């Protein structure tokens, strides 16, 4: 398997588009050397939230000084 790698939004959408063209998740995962579970997670996020679900999420919240007080 390929080492950990971050995928862009367009790459994720292209991979999910392959599923819609009657390719199985398993065959796509094998061909692209991506963990099958990762593709399934992307599919679930896309089905639930659309493109917003696939976008990178910021882990750190930035709060104003007023809010902190």
C-alpha atoms as a PDB file:
ATOM      1  CA  UNK A   1       0.000   0.000   0.000  1.00  0.00           C
ATOM      2  CA  UNK A   2       0.986   3.592  -0.591  1.00  0.00           C
ATOM      3  CA  UNK A   3       2.243   5.612   2.367  1.00  0.00           C
ATOM      4  CA  UNK A   4      -0.007   8.214   3.977  1.00  0.00           C
ATOM      5  CA  UNK A   5      -0.867  10.942   1.511  1.00  0.00           C
ATOM      6  CA  UNK A   6      -3.277  13.851   1.438  1.00  0.00           C
ATOM      7  CA  UNK A   7      -5.615  14.043  -1.524  1.00  0.00           C
ATOM      8  CA  UNK A   8      -6.980  17.241  -2.994  1.00  0.00           C
ATOM      9  CA  UNK A   9     -10.678  17.864  -3.335  1.00  0.00           C
ATOM     10  CA  UNK A  10     -10.518  17.354  -7.099  1.00  0.00           C
ATOM     11  CA  UNK A  11      -8.708  14.012  -6.680  1.00  0.00           C
ATOM     12  CA  UNK A  12     -11.346  12.826  -4.221  1.00  0.00           C
ATOM     13  CA  UNK A  13     -14.152  13.864  -6.580  1.00  0.00           C
ATOM     14  CA  UNK A  14     -12.478  12.090  -9.506  1.00  0.00           C
ATOM     15  CA  UNK A  15     -12.145   8.898  -7.465  1.00  0.00           C
ATOM     16  CA  UNK A  16     -15.768   9.091  -6.331  1.00  0.00           C
ATOM     17  CA  UNK A  17     -16.749   9.665  -9.965  1.00  0.00           C
ATOM     18  CA  UNK A  18     -15.148   6.345 -10.842  1.00  0.00           C
ATOM     19  CA  UNK A  19     -17.549   4.610  -8.452  1.00  0.00           C
ATOM     20  CA  UNK A  20     -20.498   6.082 -10.310  1.00  0.00           C
ATOM     21  CA  UNK A  21     -19.210   4.559 -13.551  1.00  0.00           C
ATOM     22  CA  UNK A  22     -19.922   1.005 -12.342  1.00  0.00           C
ATOM     23  CA  UNK A  23     -16.469   0.389 -10.872  1.00  0.00           C
ATOM     24  CA  UNK A  24     -16.367  -1.294  -7.493  1.00  0.00           C
ATOM     25  CA  UNK A  25     -14.696   0.389  -4.539  1.00  0.00           C
ATOM     26  CA  UNK A  26     -12.412  -2.618  -4.164  1.00  0.00           C
ATOM     27  CA  UNK A  27     -11.162  -2.461  -7.740  1.00  0.00           C
ATOM     28  CA  UNK A  28     -10.566   1.294  -7.546  1.00  0.00           C
ATOM     29  CA  UNK A  29      -8.695   0.899  -4.254  1.00  0.00           C
ATOM     30  CA  UNK A  30      -6.487  -1.814  -5.746  1.00  0.00           C
ATOM     31  CA  UNK A  31      -5.768   0.121  -8.942  1.00  0.00           C
ATOM     32  CA  UNK A  32      -4.932   3.382  -7.155  1.00  0.00           C
ATOM     33  CA  UNK A  33      -3.340   1.736  -4.108  1.00  0.00           C
ATOM     34  CA  UNK A  34      -5.640   3.525  -1.672  1.00  0.00           C
ATOM     35  CA  UNK A  35      -7.142   1.898   1.377  1.00  0.00           C
ATOM     36  CA  UNK A  36     -10.703   0.788   0.595  1.00  0.00           C
ATOM     37  CA  UNK A  37     -11.968   2.217   3.900  1.00  0.00           C
ATOM     38  CA  UNK A  38     -10.692   5.679   3.003  1.00  0.00           C
ATOM     39  CA  UNK A  39     -12.713   5.677  -0.206  1.00  0.00           C
ATOM     40  CA  UNK A  40     -15.785   4.479   1.712  1.00  0.00           C
ATOM     41  CA  UNK A  41     -15.330   7.327   4.214  1.00  0.00           C
ATOM     42  CA  UNK A  42     -15.127   9.866   1.393  1.00  0.00           C
ATOM     43  CA  UNK A  43     -18.298   8.403  -0.150  1.00  0.00           C
ATOM     44  CA  UNK A  44     -20.167   8.588   3.155  1.00  0.00           C
ATOM     45  CA  UNK A  45     -19.059  12.186   3.765  1.00  0.00           C
ATOM     46  CA  UNK A  46     -20.002  13.174   0.225  1.00  0.00           C
ATOM     47  CA  UNK A  47     -23.423  11.519   0.483  1.00  0.00           C
ATOM     48  CA  UNK A  48     -24.135  13.186   3.831  1.00  0.00           C
ATOM     49  CA  UNK A  49     -22.680  16.676   3.322  1.00  0.00           C
ATOM     50  CA  UNK A  50     -21.876  17.057  -0.355  1.00  0.00           C
ATOM     51  CA  UNK A  51     -18.631  18.719  -1.394  1.00  0.00           C
ATOM     52  CA  UNK A  52     -18.327  20.432   1.998  1.00  0.00           C
ATOM     53  CA  UNK A  53     -17.818  17.025   3.575  1.00  0.00           C
ATOM     54  CA  UNK A  54     -14.727  16.399   1.455  1.00  0.00           C
ATOM     55  CA  UNK A  55     -13.088  19.766   2.055  1.00  0.00           C
ATOM     56  CA  UNK A  56     -10.205  19.975   4.489  1.00  0.00           C
ATOM     57  CA  UNK A  57     -11.313  21.022   7.919  1.00  0.00           C
ATOM     58  CA  UNK A  58      -9.295  23.317  10.120  1.00  0.00           C
ATOM     59  CA  UNK A  59      -8.408  21.672  13.401  1.00  0.00           C
ATOM     60  CA  UNK A  60      -7.662  24.841  15.355  1.00  0.00           C
ATOM     61  CA  UNK A  61     -10.360  27.387  16.018  1.00  0.00           C
ATOM     62  CA  UNK A  62      -9.393  31.036  16.106  1.00  0.00           C
ATOM     63  CA  UNK A  63     -11.281  33.141  18.600  1.00  0.00           C
ATOM     64  CA  UNK A  64     -11.287  36.909  18.934  1.00  0.00           C
ATOM     65  CA  UNK A  65     -10.000  38.556  22.102  1.00  0.00           C
ATOM     66  CA  UNK A  66     -13.526  39.743  22.900  1.00  0.00           C
ATOM     67  CA  UNK A  67     -14.846  36.206  22.749  1.00  0.00           C
ATOM     68  CA  UNK A  68     -12.022  34.927  24.959  1.00  0.00           C
ATOM     69  CA  UNK A  69     -12.867  37.498  27.626  1.00  0.00           C
END
